[in-house]
């Protein structure tokens, strides 16, 4: 039996991959999205609690980011504003200081049901059977005028392939034949995975007790394990939550434990912080479909939005669409949408394949 054939195979069902497929479908093309996980969203990962969603991955978008603003309006996804009122806290080796006002947070938007709701909303706009979960791409092979994408569950042929996953992850996990240009390979292998080396900690409480004493929930720390913290409450303070980012001190080293999280939160916000409803520790280094091995070693952020990513490879048939490849707002959801827009434009501009 021959491999199924379609117009475009998109590797990755994060927001970039899903949006790429949706816009191509609207243009009359037949996309297929291959996703290694059993869910859509990629780094848009949210957990549902009473009152809304809490983000274990991407959280914010900003007022000047026009693509995400348009997409939210088009899909009707419920949003809320980041809470910024109150004082911040600074943790130093000598102790904790209260900082008047909040110089840490800025005006930004969040999703009431969590950022994953955005990806899920895009997925519902795609025709049935377009998104194939549990399909990890392992190889891309030139096959005449088409590219053949191989997964453990079968292979698919298409005129175009879109890599909607971090370039370093693609280089580590997908065999590509013929080989990509050496310069592109060097750039892709060295491009960091945005937040791929970070542990995100989310802590839910019965109520936002820090607000009652005039704190914004924002903190910076020179002690750790979390170096930066913010309020993650929903509208009207529910669900009530704080979140923070914990970097690794060295490659492979554990970042944080529950005990260390609660000790730090108690030092920053008082004894009430020691009694959460729920606590999540999301170490993105341990997500094999986000981060390649030793992702901490990738630190050359100057490769974000590199011009190599704007040039389609394999005779114009292989395209990039992850946030790391965006020239505008790389690392943000906005960057993922910009990269998707670039890939869609390149595919729609591509000449028709020869016939006969």
C-alpha atoms as a PDB file:
ATOM      1  CA  UNK A   1       0.000   0.000   0.000  1.00  0.00           C
ATOM      2  CA  UNK A   2       1.410   3.407  -0.931  1.00  0.00           C
ATOM      3  CA  UNK A   3       1.866   6.182   1.602  1.00  0.00           C
ATOM      4  CA  UNK A   4      -1.030   8.644   1.982  1.00  0.00           C
ATOM      5  CA  UNK A   5      -0.384  11.862   0.069  1.00  0.00           C
ATOM      6  CA  UNK A   6      -1.388  15.407   0.947  1.00  0.00           C
ATOM      7  CA  UNK A   7      -0.341  18.968   0.138  1.00  0.00           C
ATOM      8  CA  UNK A   8       1.507  19.883   3.332  1.00  0.00           C
ATOM      9  CA  UNK A   9       2.695  17.947   6.367  1.00  0.00           C
ATOM     10  CA  UNK A  10       3.148  20.096   9.474  1.00  0.00           C
ATOM     11  CA  UNK A  11       5.340  18.578  12.187  1.00  0.00           C
ATOM     12  CA  UNK A  12       4.148  19.798  15.585  1.00  0.00           C
ATOM     13  CA  UNK A  13       0.708  20.767  16.906  1.00  0.00           C
ATOM     14  CA  UNK A  14       1.781  23.752  18.957  1.00  0.00           C
ATOM     15  CA  UNK A  15       0.220  27.113  18.218  1.00  0.00           C
ATOM     16  CA  UNK A  16       2.569  27.677  15.252  1.00  0.00           C
ATOM     17  CA  UNK A  17       1.818  24.338  13.623  1.00  0.00           C
ATOM     18  CA  UNK A  18      -1.922  24.512  14.192  1.00  0.00           C
ATOM     19  CA  UNK A  19      -2.168  28.064  12.874  1.00  0.00           C
ATOM     20  CA  UNK A  20      -0.092  27.141   9.819  1.00  0.00           C
ATOM     21  CA  UNK A  21      -2.428  24.254   9.041  1.00  0.00           C
ATOM     22  CA  UNK A  22      -5.547  26.363   9.623  1.00  0.00           C
ATOM     23  CA  UNK A  23      -4.478  29.164   7.297  1.00  0.00           C
ATOM     24  CA  UNK A  24      -3.395  26.698   4.606  1.00  0.00           C
ATOM     25  CA  UNK A  25      -6.737  24.912   4.919  1.00  0.00           C
ATOM     26  CA  UNK A  26      -8.538  28.237   4.525  1.00  0.00           C
ATOM     27  CA  UNK A  27      -6.529  28.785   1.334  1.00  0.00           C
ATOM     28  CA  UNK A  28      -7.812  25.530  -0.114  1.00  0.00           C
ATOM     29  CA  UNK A  29      -4.832  23.293   0.627  1.00  0.00           C
ATOM     30  CA  UNK A  30      -4.854  19.905   2.343  1.00  0.00           C
ATOM     31  CA  UNK A  31      -2.662  20.036   5.477  1.00  0.00           C
ATOM     32  CA  UNK A  32      -1.842  17.188   7.832  1.00  0.00           C
ATOM     33  CA  UNK A  33      -0.476  17.878  11.328  1.00  0.00           C
ATOM     34  CA  UNK A  34       1.703  15.233  12.984  1.00  0.00           C
ATOM     35  CA  UNK A  35       2.027  15.608  16.750  1.00  0.00           C
ATOM     36  CA  UNK A  36       4.191  13.338  18.909  1.00  0.00           C
ATOM     37  CA  UNK A  37       2.217  14.043  22.091  1.00  0.00           C
ATOM     38  CA  UNK A  38      -1.288  12.923  22.962  1.00  0.00           C
ATOM     39  CA  UNK A  39      -2.471  16.541  23.047  1.00  0.00           C
ATOM     40  CA  UNK A  40      -2.244  19.766  21.091  1.00  0.00           C
ATOM     41  CA  UNK A  41      -0.553  22.918  22.352  1.00  0.00           C
ATOM     42  CA  UNK A  42       3.145  22.111  22.674  1.00  0.00           C
ATOM     43  CA  UNK A  43       4.537  24.654  25.134  1.00  0.00           C
ATOM     44  CA  UNK A  44       1.008  25.984  25.612  1.00  0.00           C
ATOM     45  CA  UNK A  45       0.210  23.637  28.493  1.00  0.00           C
ATOM     46  CA  UNK A  46      -2.454  24.418  31.079  1.00  0.00           C
ATOM     47  CA  UNK A  47      -4.010  22.571  33.982  1.00  0.00           C
ATOM     48  CA  UNK A  48      -7.664  23.129  34.786  1.00  0.00           C
ATOM     49  CA  UNK A  49      -8.818  24.005  38.305  1.00  0.00           C
ATOM     50  CA  UNK A  50     -11.991  25.510  39.705  1.00  0.00           C
ATOM     51  CA  UNK A  51     -12.406  28.934  38.134  1.00  0.00           C
ATOM     52  CA  UNK A  52     -10.054  28.635  35.161  1.00  0.00           C
ATOM     53  CA  UNK A  53      -6.751  27.367  33.842  1.00  0.00           C
ATOM     54  CA  UNK A  54      -3.220  27.679  35.231  1.00  0.00           C
ATOM     55  CA  UNK A  55      -0.318  27.757  32.798  1.00  0.00           C
ATOM     56  CA  UNK A  56       2.580  25.343  33.133  1.00  0.00           C
ATOM     57  CA  UNK A  57       4.021  26.734  29.912  1.00  0.00           C
ATOM     58  CA  UNK A  58       3.531  29.984  28.010  1.00  0.00           C
ATOM     59  CA  UNK A  59       1.456  32.552  29.878  1.00  0.00           C
ATOM     60  CA  UNK A  60       1.531  36.100  28.547  1.00  0.00           C
ATOM     61  CA  UNK A  61       0.940  38.196  25.485  1.00  0.00           C
ATOM     62  CA  UNK A  62       1.471  41.954  25.209  1.00  0.00           C
ATOM     63  CA  UNK A  63      -0.659  44.858  23.897  1.00  0.00           C
ATOM     64  CA  UNK A  64       1.680  45.707  21.000  1.00  0.00           C
ATOM     65  CA  UNK A  65       1.569  42.147  19.615  1.00  0.00           C
ATOM     66  CA  UNK A  66      -0.920  42.462  16.787  1.00  0.00           C
ATOM     67  CA  UNK A  67      -1.085  38.861  15.566  1.00  0.00           C
ATOM     68  CA  UNK A  68      -2.055  37.356  18.898  1.00  0.00           C
ATOM     69  CA  UNK A  69      -4.518  40.192  19.440  1.00  0.00           C
ATOM     70  CA  UNK A  70      -6.234  39.474  16.137  1.00  0.00           C
ATOM     71  CA  UNK A  71      -6.262  35.726  16.769  1.00  0.00           C
ATOM     72  CA  UNK A  72      -7.811  36.091  20.215  1.00  0.00           C
ATOM     73  CA  UNK A  73     -10.530  38.313  18.766  1.00  0.00           C
ATOM     74  CA  UNK A  74     -11.156  35.968  15.844  1.00  0.00           C
ATOM     75  CA  UNK A  75     -11.502  32.905  18.064  1.00  0.00           C
ATOM     76  CA  UNK A  76     -13.359  34.605  20.918  1.00  0.00           C
ATOM     77  CA  UNK A  77     -10.998  33.183  23.533  1.00  0.00           C
ATOM     78  CA  UNK A  78     -11.579  34.685  26.992  1.00  0.00           C
ATOM     79  CA  UNK A  79      -8.667  36.778  28.274  1.00  0.00           C
ATOM     80  CA  UNK A  80      -7.779  38.687  31.414  1.00  0.00           C
ATOM     81  CA  UNK A  81      -5.134  41.215  32.417  1.00  0.00           C
ATOM     82  CA  UNK A  82      -2.025  40.452  34.425  1.00  0.00           C
ATOM     83  CA  UNK A  83      -2.448  41.710  38.000  1.00  0.00           C
ATOM     84  CA  UNK A  84       0.215  44.322  38.687  1.00  0.00           C
ATOM     85  CA  UNK A  85      -1.172  46.435  41.577  1.00  0.00           C
ATOM     86  CA  UNK A  86       0.730  46.435  44.840  1.00  0.00           C
ATOM     87  CA  UNK A  87       4.327  46.248  46.006  1.00  0.00           C
ATOM     88  CA  UNK A  88       6.984  43.815  44.847  1.00  0.00           C
ATOM     89  CA  UNK A  89       9.455  41.797  46.899  1.00  0.00           C
ATOM     90  CA  UNK A  90      13.213  41.443  46.468  1.00  0.00           C
ATOM     91  CA  UNK A  91      15.051  38.467  47.982  1.00  0.00           C
ATOM     92  CA  UNK A  92      18.753  38.978  48.687  1.00  0.00           C
ATOM     93  CA  UNK A  93      21.269  36.863  50.636  1.00  0.00           C
ATOM     94  CA  UNK A  94      20.899  39.378  53.451  1.00  0.00           C
ATOM     95  CA  UNK A  95      17.110  39.020  53.582  1.00  0.00           C
ATOM     96  CA  UNK A  96      13.821  40.015  51.966  1.00  0.00           C
ATOM     97  CA  UNK A  97      12.979  43.613  51.101  1.00  0.00           C
ATOM     98  CA  UNK A  98       9.651  45.107  50.125  1.00  0.00           C
ATOM     99  CA  UNK A  99       9.857  47.332  47.044  1.00  0.00           C
ATOM    100  CA  UNK A 100       7.341  50.138  46.760  1.00  0.00           C
ATOM    101  CA  UNK A 101       5.094  49.750  43.715  1.00  0.00           C
ATOM    102  CA  UNK A 102       5.800  46.964  41.233  1.00  0.00           C
ATOM    103  CA  UNK A 103       8.780  47.514  38.916  1.00  0.00           C
ATOM    104  CA  UNK A 104       8.739  43.853  37.836  1.00  0.00           C
ATOM    105  CA  UNK A 105       5.433  43.346  36.035  1.00  0.00           C
ATOM    106  CA  UNK A 106       4.162  45.161  32.965  1.00  0.00           C
ATOM    107  CA  UNK A 107       0.740  45.412  31.389  1.00  0.00           C
ATOM    108  CA  UNK A 108       0.076  42.125  29.637  1.00  0.00           C
ATOM    109  CA  UNK A 109      -2.699  39.715  28.802  1.00  0.00           C
ATOM    110  CA  UNK A 110      -3.414  36.144  29.877  1.00  0.00           C
ATOM    111  CA  UNK A 111      -5.985  33.506  28.998  1.00  0.00           C
ATOM    112  CA  UNK A 112      -8.791  32.801  31.473  1.00  0.00           C
ATOM    113  CA  UNK A 113      -8.740  29.064  30.718  1.00  0.00           C
ATOM    114  CA  UNK A 114      -4.970  28.980  30.206  1.00  0.00           C
ATOM    115  CA  UNK A 115      -2.935  29.421  27.055  1.00  0.00           C
ATOM    116  CA  UNK A 116      -3.609  25.857  25.917  1.00  0.00           C
ATOM    117  CA  UNK A 117      -7.195  26.955  25.290  1.00  0.00           C
ATOM    118  CA  UNK A 118      -5.888  29.075  22.409  1.00  0.00           C
ATOM    119  CA  UNK A 119      -4.326  26.056  20.713  1.00  0.00           C
ATOM    120  CA  UNK A 120      -7.424  23.969  21.326  1.00  0.00           C
ATOM    121  CA  UNK A 121      -9.596  26.677  19.781  1.00  0.00           C
ATOM    122  CA  UNK A 122      -7.455  26.707  16.621  1.00  0.00           C
ATOM    123  CA  UNK A 123      -7.574  22.892  16.452  1.00  0.00           C
ATOM    124  CA  UNK A 124     -11.369  22.975  16.383  1.00  0.00           C
ATOM    125  CA  UNK A 125     -11.221  25.085  13.204  1.00  0.00           C
ATOM    126  CA  UNK A 126      -9.387  22.339  11.310  1.00  0.00           C
ATOM    127  CA  UNK A 127     -11.201  19.617   9.367  1.00  0.00           C
ATOM    128  CA  UNK A 128     -11.546  16.245  11.037  1.00  0.00           C
ATOM    129  CA  UNK A 129      -8.532  13.929  10.859  1.00  0.00           C
ATOM    130  CA  UNK A 130      -6.093  16.745  10.072  1.00  0.00           C
ATOM    131  CA  UNK A 131      -4.357  16.514  13.459  1.00  0.00           C
ATOM    132  CA  UNK A 132      -2.772  13.115  14.125  1.00  0.00           C
ATOM    133  CA  UNK A 133      -1.751  12.735  17.766  1.00  0.00           C
ATOM    134  CA  UNK A 134       0.872  10.206  18.776  1.00  0.00           C
ATOM    135  CA  UNK A 135       2.732  10.581  15.473  1.00  0.00           C
ATOM    136  CA  UNK A 136       6.381  11.459  16.166  1.00  0.00           C
ATOM    137  CA  UNK A 137       8.253  12.309  12.971  1.00  0.00           C
ATOM    138  CA  UNK A 138      11.567  10.443  12.782  1.00  0.00           C
ATOM    139  CA  UNK A 139      12.691  11.086   9.197  1.00  0.00           C
ATOM    140  CA  UNK A 140      12.102  13.315   6.194  1.00  0.00           C
ATOM    141  CA  UNK A 141      13.162  11.896   2.836  1.00  0.00           C
ATOM    142  CA  UNK A 142      13.043  13.350  -0.666  1.00  0.00           C
ATOM    143  CA  UNK A 143      10.794  11.173  -2.802  1.00  0.00           C
ATOM    144  CA  UNK A 144      10.680  12.503  -6.353  1.00  0.00           C
ATOM    145  CA  UNK A 145       8.749  15.766  -6.370  1.00  0.00           C
ATOM    146  CA  UNK A 146       7.480  15.052  -2.856  1.00  0.00           C
ATOM    147  CA  UNK A 147       8.856  14.786   0.663  1.00  0.00           C
ATOM    148  CA  UNK A 148       8.179  11.650   2.676  1.00  0.00           C
ATOM    149  CA  UNK A 149       7.693  12.064   6.430  1.00  0.00           C
ATOM    150  CA  UNK A 150       8.217   8.890   8.428  1.00  0.00           C
ATOM    151  CA  UNK A 151       6.663   8.116  11.826  1.00  0.00           C
ATOM    152  CA  UNK A 152       6.490   4.834  13.795  1.00  0.00           C
ATOM    153  CA  UNK A 153       2.817   4.694  12.827  1.00  0.00           C
ATOM    154  CA  UNK A 154       3.274   5.163   9.095  1.00  0.00           C
ATOM    155  CA  UNK A 155       4.647   7.527   6.478  1.00  0.00           C
ATOM    156  CA  UNK A 156       3.070  10.431   4.595  1.00  0.00           C
ATOM    157  CA  UNK A 157       4.046  12.207   1.375  1.00  0.00           C
ATOM    158  CA  UNK A 158       3.525  15.895   0.689  1.00  0.00           C
ATOM    159  CA  UNK A 159       4.687  18.718  -1.574  1.00  0.00           C
ATOM    160  CA  UNK A 160       5.783  20.718   1.468  1.00  0.00           C
ATOM    161  CA  UNK A 161       6.833  20.025   5.057  1.00  0.00           C
ATOM    162  CA  UNK A 162       6.693  22.604   7.854  1.00  0.00           C
ATOM    163  CA  UNK A 163       8.926  22.137  10.889  1.00  0.00           C
ATOM    164  CA  UNK A 164       6.801  23.655  13.658  1.00  0.00           C
ATOM    165  CA  UNK A 165       9.108  22.553  16.460  1.00  0.00           C
ATOM    166  CA  UNK A 166      12.333  23.941  17.933  1.00  0.00           C
ATOM    167  CA  UNK A 167      15.154  23.635  15.372  1.00  0.00           C
ATOM    168  CA  UNK A 168      17.558  21.994  17.825  1.00  0.00           C
ATOM    169  CA  UNK A 169      14.918  19.370  18.624  1.00  0.00           C
ATOM    170  CA  UNK A 170      14.393  18.718  14.914  1.00  0.00           C
ATOM    171  CA  UNK A 171      18.131  18.269  14.375  1.00  0.00           C
ATOM    172  CA  UNK A 172      18.356  15.861  17.312  1.00  0.00           C
ATOM    173  CA  UNK A 173      15.370  13.700  16.457  1.00  0.00           C
ATOM    174  CA  UNK A 174      14.618  13.795  12.722  1.00  0.00           C
ATOM    175  CA  UNK A 175      16.897  12.296  10.057  1.00  0.00           C
ATOM    176  CA  UNK A 176      16.703  14.453   6.919  1.00  0.00           C
ATOM    177  CA  UNK A 177      17.733  13.255   3.471  1.00  0.00           C
ATOM    178  CA  UNK A 178      19.253  14.764   1.449  1.00  0.00           C
ATOM    179  CA  UNK A 179      21.235  16.633   4.080  1.00  0.00           C
ATOM    180  CA  UNK A 180      20.374  20.247   4.796  1.00  0.00           C
ATOM    181  CA  UNK A 181      22.972  22.936   3.985  1.00  0.00           C
ATOM    182  CA  UNK A 182      25.800  22.845   6.562  1.00  0.00           C
ATOM    183  CA  UNK A 183      25.281  26.461   7.621  1.00  0.00           C
ATOM    184  CA  UNK A 184      21.592  25.845   8.328  1.00  0.00           C
ATOM    185  CA  UNK A 185      22.445  22.705  10.300  1.00  0.00           C
ATOM    186  CA  UNK A 186      24.983  24.613  12.424  1.00  0.00           C
ATOM    187  CA  UNK A 187      22.495  27.368  13.194  1.00  0.00           C
ATOM    188  CA  UNK A 188      19.647  24.948  13.938  1.00  0.00           C
ATOM    189  CA  UNK A 189      21.737  22.787  16.250  1.00  0.00           C
ATOM    190  CA  UNK A 190      22.870  25.811  18.267  1.00  0.00           C
ATOM    191  CA  UNK A 191      19.527  27.649  18.531  1.00  0.00           C
ATOM    192  CA  UNK A 192      18.212  27.600  22.124  1.00  0.00           C
ATOM    193  CA  UNK A 193      14.782  26.212  22.890  1.00  0.00           C
ATOM    194  CA  UNK A 194      12.812  29.072  24.370  1.00  0.00           C
ATOM    195  CA  UNK A 195      12.213  28.201  28.041  1.00  0.00           C
ATOM    196  CA  UNK A 196      13.345  24.648  27.299  1.00  0.00           C
ATOM    197  CA  UNK A 197      15.928  24.760  30.100  1.00  0.00           C
ATOM    198  CA  UNK A 198      13.564  26.313  32.652  1.00  0.00           C
ATOM    199  CA  UNK A 199      11.391  24.779  35.343  1.00  0.00           C
ATOM    200  CA  UNK A 200       8.078  26.539  35.852  1.00  0.00           C
ATOM    201  CA  UNK A 201       6.475  26.292  39.274  1.00  0.00           C
ATOM    202  CA  UNK A 202       2.772  27.025  39.807  1.00  0.00           C
ATOM    203  CA  UNK A 203       1.230  27.109  43.277  1.00  0.00           C
ATOM    204  CA  UNK A 204      -2.531  27.377  43.849  1.00  0.00           C
ATOM    205  CA  UNK A 205      -4.067  28.769  47.053  1.00  0.00           C
ATOM    206  CA  UNK A 206      -7.570  29.151  48.420  1.00  0.00           C
ATOM    207  CA  UNK A 207      -7.292  32.926  48.086  1.00  0.00           C
ATOM    208  CA  UNK A 208      -4.757  35.570  46.989  1.00  0.00           C
ATOM    209  CA  UNK A 209      -3.629  36.354  50.532  1.00  0.00           C
ATOM    210  CA  UNK A 210      -0.691  38.474  49.322  1.00  0.00           C
ATOM    211  CA  UNK A 211      -3.060  41.042  47.858  1.00  0.00           C
ATOM    212  CA  UNK A 212      -4.674  41.596  51.255  1.00  0.00           C
ATOM    213  CA  UNK A 213      -1.373  42.974  52.558  1.00  0.00           C
ATOM    214  CA  UNK A 214      -0.731  45.137  49.498  1.00  0.00           C
ATOM    215  CA  UNK A 215       1.618  42.841  47.593  1.00  0.00           C
ATOM    216  CA  UNK A 216       1.410  42.323  43.844  1.00  0.00           C
ATOM    217  CA  UNK A 217       2.659  38.744  43.972  1.00  0.00           C
ATOM    218  CA  UNK A 218       5.753  39.827  42.026  1.00  0.00           C
ATOM    219  CA  UNK A 219       9.241  39.020  43.283  1.00  0.00           C
ATOM    220  CA  UNK A 220      12.845  38.796  42.155  1.00  0.00           C
ATOM    221  CA  UNK A 221      15.364  36.622  43.966  1.00  0.00           C
ATOM    222  CA  UNK A 222      19.143  36.418  44.097  1.00  0.00           C
ATOM    223  CA  UNK A 223      18.798  33.392  46.354  1.00  0.00           C
ATOM    224  CA  UNK A 224      16.471  30.999  44.537  1.00  0.00           C
ATOM    225  CA  UNK A 225      15.485  28.435  43.633  1.00  0.00           C
ATOM    226  CA  UNK A 226      12.898  30.556  41.818  1.00  0.00           C
ATOM    227  CA  UNK A 227      14.496  33.723  40.487  1.00  0.00           C
ATOM    228  CA  UNK A 228      11.363  35.484  39.265  1.00  0.00           C
ATOM    229  CA  UNK A 229       7.776  35.210  40.529  1.00  0.00           C
ATOM    230  CA  UNK A 230       4.393  36.606  39.500  1.00  0.00           C
ATOM    231  CA  UNK A 231       0.691  36.536  40.298  1.00  0.00           C
ATOM    232  CA  UNK A 232      -1.307  34.026  38.213  1.00  0.00           C
ATOM    233  CA  UNK A 233      -4.782  34.678  39.568  1.00  0.00           C
ATOM    234  CA  UNK A 234      -7.801  34.618  37.340  1.00  0.00           C
ATOM    235  CA  UNK A 235     -10.409  37.375  37.159  1.00  0.00           C
ATOM    236  CA  UNK A 236     -11.478  38.595  40.606  1.00  0.00           C
ATOM    237  CA  UNK A 237      -8.634  36.622  42.163  1.00  0.00           C
ATOM    238  CA  UNK A 238      -9.897  33.120  41.335  1.00  0.00           C
ATOM    239  CA  UNK A 239      -8.277  30.750  40.857  1.00  0.00           C
ATOM    240  CA  UNK A 240      -5.629  32.135  43.213  1.00  0.00           C
ATOM    241  CA  UNK A 241      -2.073  31.256  42.258  1.00  0.00           C
ATOM    242  CA  UNK A 242       1.542  32.336  42.141  1.00  0.00           C
ATOM    243  CA  UNK A 243       4.134  31.118  39.661  1.00  0.00           C
ATOM    244  CA  UNK A 244       7.876  31.292  39.289  1.00  0.00           C
ATOM    245  CA  UNK A 245      10.804  30.312  37.080  1.00  0.00           C
ATOM    246  CA  UNK A 246      13.626  28.110  38.383  1.00  0.00           C
ATOM    247  CA  UNK A 247      16.748  27.737  36.209  1.00  0.00           C
ATOM    248  CA  UNK A 248      19.149  24.823  36.566  1.00  0.00           C
ATOM    249  CA  UNK A 249      22.483  25.600  38.158  1.00  0.00           C
ATOM    250  CA  UNK A 250      24.262  23.150  35.852  1.00  0.00           C
ATOM    251  CA  UNK A 251      23.447  20.673  33.081  1.00  0.00           C
ATOM    252  CA  UNK A 252      21.246  17.883  34.389  1.00  0.00           C
ATOM    253  CA  UNK A 253      21.069  19.262  37.916  1.00  0.00           C
ATOM    254  CA  UNK A 254      17.695  19.177  39.714  1.00  0.00           C
ATOM    255  CA  UNK A 255      16.107  22.610  39.804  1.00  0.00           C
ATOM    256  CA  UNK A 256      13.667  22.583  42.674  1.00  0.00           C
ATOM    257  CA  UNK A 257      11.718  20.467  45.154  1.00  0.00           C
ATOM    258  CA  UNK A 258       8.362  21.065  46.786  1.00  0.00           C
ATOM    259  CA  UNK A 259      10.017  21.751  50.139  1.00  0.00           C
ATOM    260  CA  UNK A 260      12.360  24.366  48.655  1.00  0.00           C
ATOM    261  CA  UNK A 261       9.477  26.033  46.818  1.00  0.00           C
ATOM    262  CA  UNK A 262       7.405  26.369  49.981  1.00  0.00           C
ATOM    263  CA  UNK A 263      10.383  27.562  52.018  1.00  0.00           C
ATOM    264  CA  UNK A 264      11.078  30.310  49.503  1.00  0.00           C
ATOM    265  CA  UNK A 265       7.430  31.331  49.149  1.00  0.00           C
ATOM    266  CA  UNK A 266       7.094  31.566  52.928  1.00  0.00           C
ATOM    267  CA  UNK A 267      10.150  33.788  53.092  1.00  0.00           C
ATOM    268  CA  UNK A 268       8.751  36.032  50.376  1.00  0.00           C
ATOM    269  CA  UNK A 269       5.050  36.191  51.220  1.00  0.00           C
ATOM    270  CA  UNK A 270       4.587  34.988  54.786  1.00  0.00           C
ATOM    271  CA  UNK A 271       3.333  31.904  56.595  1.00  0.00           C
ATOM    272  CA  UNK A 272       0.134  31.625  54.541  1.00  0.00           C
ATOM    273  CA  UNK A 273       2.285  30.606  51.560  1.00  0.00           C
ATOM    274  CA  UNK A 274       3.176  27.334  53.291  1.00  0.00           C
ATOM    275  CA  UNK A 275      -0.320  25.869  52.799  1.00  0.00           C
ATOM    276  CA  UNK A 276      -1.200  25.636  49.091  1.00  0.00           C
ATOM    277  CA  UNK A 277      -4.084  23.765  47.557  1.00  0.00           C
ATOM    278  CA  UNK A 278      -1.943  22.415  44.728  1.00  0.00           C
ATOM    279  CA  UNK A 279       1.620  22.708  43.508  1.00  0.00           C
ATOM    280  CA  UNK A 280       2.998  21.841  40.086  1.00  0.00           C
ATOM    281  CA  UNK A 281       6.654  21.616  39.061  1.00  0.00           C
ATOM    282  CA  UNK A 282       7.022  21.553  35.274  1.00  0.00           C
ATOM    283  CA  UNK A 283      10.641  20.935  34.252  1.00  0.00           C
ATOM    284  CA  UNK A 284      10.679  21.512  30.505  1.00  0.00           C
ATOM    285  CA  UNK A 285      14.093  19.869  30.186  1.00  0.00           C
ATOM    286  CA  UNK A 286      12.325  16.545  30.753  1.00  0.00           C
ATOM    287  CA  UNK A 287       9.865  17.033  27.896  1.00  0.00           C
ATOM    288  CA  UNK A 288      11.397  14.973  25.047  1.00  0.00           C
ATOM    289  CA  UNK A 289       9.089  16.532  22.471  1.00  0.00           C
ATOM    290  CA  UNK A 290      10.170  20.054  23.480  1.00  0.00           C
ATOM    291  CA  UNK A 291      13.810  19.891  24.505  1.00  0.00           C
ATOM    292  CA  UNK A 292      16.763  17.924  23.112  1.00  0.00           C
ATOM    293  CA  UNK A 293      19.262  16.340  25.510  1.00  0.00           C
ATOM    294  CA  UNK A 294      21.381  18.850  27.431  1.00  0.00           C
ATOM    295  CA  UNK A 295      19.206  21.726  26.285  1.00  0.00           C
ATOM    296  CA  UNK A 296      20.891  23.889  28.941  1.00  0.00           C
ATOM    297  CA  UNK A 297      24.008  24.049  26.753  1.00  0.00           C
ATOM    298  CA  UNK A 298      22.139  25.983  24.057  1.00  0.00           C
ATOM    299  CA  UNK A 299      22.734  29.626  24.937  1.00  0.00           C
ATOM    300  CA  UNK A 300      23.325  31.461  21.639  1.00  0.00           C
ATOM    301  CA  UNK A 301      20.171  33.555  21.585  1.00  0.00           C
ATOM    302  CA  UNK A 302      21.582  35.567  18.666  1.00  0.00           C
ATOM    303  CA  UNK A 303      20.460  32.650  16.478  1.00  0.00           C
ATOM    304  CA  UNK A 304      16.796  33.436  17.164  1.00  0.00           C
ATOM    305  CA  UNK A 305      15.158  34.626  13.963  1.00  0.00           C
ATOM    306  CA  UNK A 306      18.301  33.808  11.951  1.00  0.00           C
ATOM    307  CA  UNK A 307      18.019  34.558   8.241  1.00  0.00           C
ATOM    308  CA  UNK A 308      18.614  30.859   7.490  1.00  0.00           C
ATOM    309  CA  UNK A 309      15.130  30.134   8.812  1.00  0.00           C
ATOM    310  CA  UNK A 310      13.546  32.511   6.315  1.00  0.00           C
ATOM    311  CA  UNK A 311      14.903  30.476   3.396  1.00  0.00           C
ATOM    312  CA  UNK A 312      13.021  27.313   2.507  1.00  0.00           C
ATOM    313  CA  UNK A 313      15.281  24.258   2.217  1.00  0.00           C
ATOM    314  CA  UNK A 314      15.184  21.103   0.084  1.00  0.00           C
ATOM    315  CA  UNK A 315      14.437  23.009  -3.145  1.00  0.00           C
ATOM    316  CA  UNK A 316      11.860  25.219  -1.465  1.00  0.00           C
ATOM    317  CA  UNK A 317       9.876  22.383   0.108  1.00  0.00           C
ATOM    318  CA  UNK A 318      10.985  22.467   3.772  1.00  0.00           C
ATOM    319  CA  UNK A 319       9.905  25.419   5.921  1.00  0.00           C
ATOM    320  CA  UNK A 320      10.378  26.535   9.549  1.00  0.00           C
ATOM    321  CA  UNK A 321       7.582  27.694  11.847  1.00  0.00           C
ATOM    322  CA  UNK A 322       8.586  27.677  15.514  1.00  0.00           C
ATOM    323  CA  UNK A 323       8.840  30.759  17.675  1.00  0.00           C
ATOM    324  CA  UNK A 324      12.658  30.464  17.755  1.00  0.00           C
ATOM    325  CA  UNK A 325      12.753  31.021  13.983  1.00  0.00           C
ATOM    326  CA  UNK A 326      10.753  34.266  14.024  1.00  0.00           C
ATOM    327  CA  UNK A 327      12.481  37.544  13.250  1.00  0.00           C
ATOM    328  CA  UNK A 328       9.797  39.317  15.278  1.00  0.00           C
ATOM    329  CA  UNK A 329       9.007  38.494  18.932  1.00  0.00           C
ATOM    330  CA  UNK A 330      10.980  35.224  19.023  1.00  0.00           C
ATOM    331  CA  UNK A 331      10.110  33.178  22.081  1.00  0.00           C
ATOM    332  CA  UNK A 332       6.628  34.673  22.393  1.00  0.00           C
ATOM    333  CA  UNK A 333       3.326  33.291  21.151  1.00  0.00           C
ATOM    334  CA  UNK A 334       3.443  36.270  18.802  1.00  0.00           C
ATOM    335  CA  UNK A 335       6.716  34.939  17.410  1.00  0.00           C
ATOM    336  CA  UNK A 336       5.153  31.537  16.786  1.00  0.00           C
ATOM    337  CA  UNK A 337       2.356  33.220  14.846  1.00  0.00           C
ATOM    338  CA  UNK A 338       4.860  35.316  12.876  1.00  0.00           C
ATOM    339  CA  UNK A 339       6.815  32.196  11.928  1.00  0.00           C
ATOM    340  CA  UNK A 340       3.593  30.442  10.916  1.00  0.00           C
ATOM    341  CA  UNK A 341       2.615  33.406   8.755  1.00  0.00           C
ATOM    342  CA  UNK A 342       6.007  33.291   7.027  1.00  0.00           C
ATOM    343  CA  UNK A 343       5.695  29.561   6.297  1.00  0.00           C
ATOM    344  CA  UNK A 344       2.166  29.916   4.962  1.00  0.00           C
ATOM    345  CA  UNK A 345       3.216  32.759   2.643  1.00  0.00           C
ATOM    346  CA  UNK A 346       6.163  30.753   1.308  1.00  0.00           C
ATOM    347  CA  UNK A 347       4.000  27.736   0.565  1.00  0.00           C
ATOM    348  CA  UNK A 348       1.257  29.722  -1.113  1.00  0.00           C
ATOM    349  CA  UNK A 349       3.846  31.502  -3.273  1.00  0.00           C
ATOM    350  CA  UNK A 350       5.603  28.303  -4.280  1.00  0.00           C
ATOM    351  CA  UNK A 351       5.224  27.269  -7.944  1.00  0.00           C
ATOM    352  CA  UNK A 352       3.080  24.272  -8.752  1.00  0.00           C
ATOM    353  CA  UNK A 353       5.036  21.033  -9.143  1.00  0.00           C
ATOM    354  CA  UNK A 354       5.768  19.878 -12.707  1.00  0.00           C
ATOM    355  CA  UNK A 355       3.267  17.524 -14.266  1.00  0.00           C
ATOM    356  CA  UNK A 356       3.719  14.645 -16.662  1.00  0.00           C
END
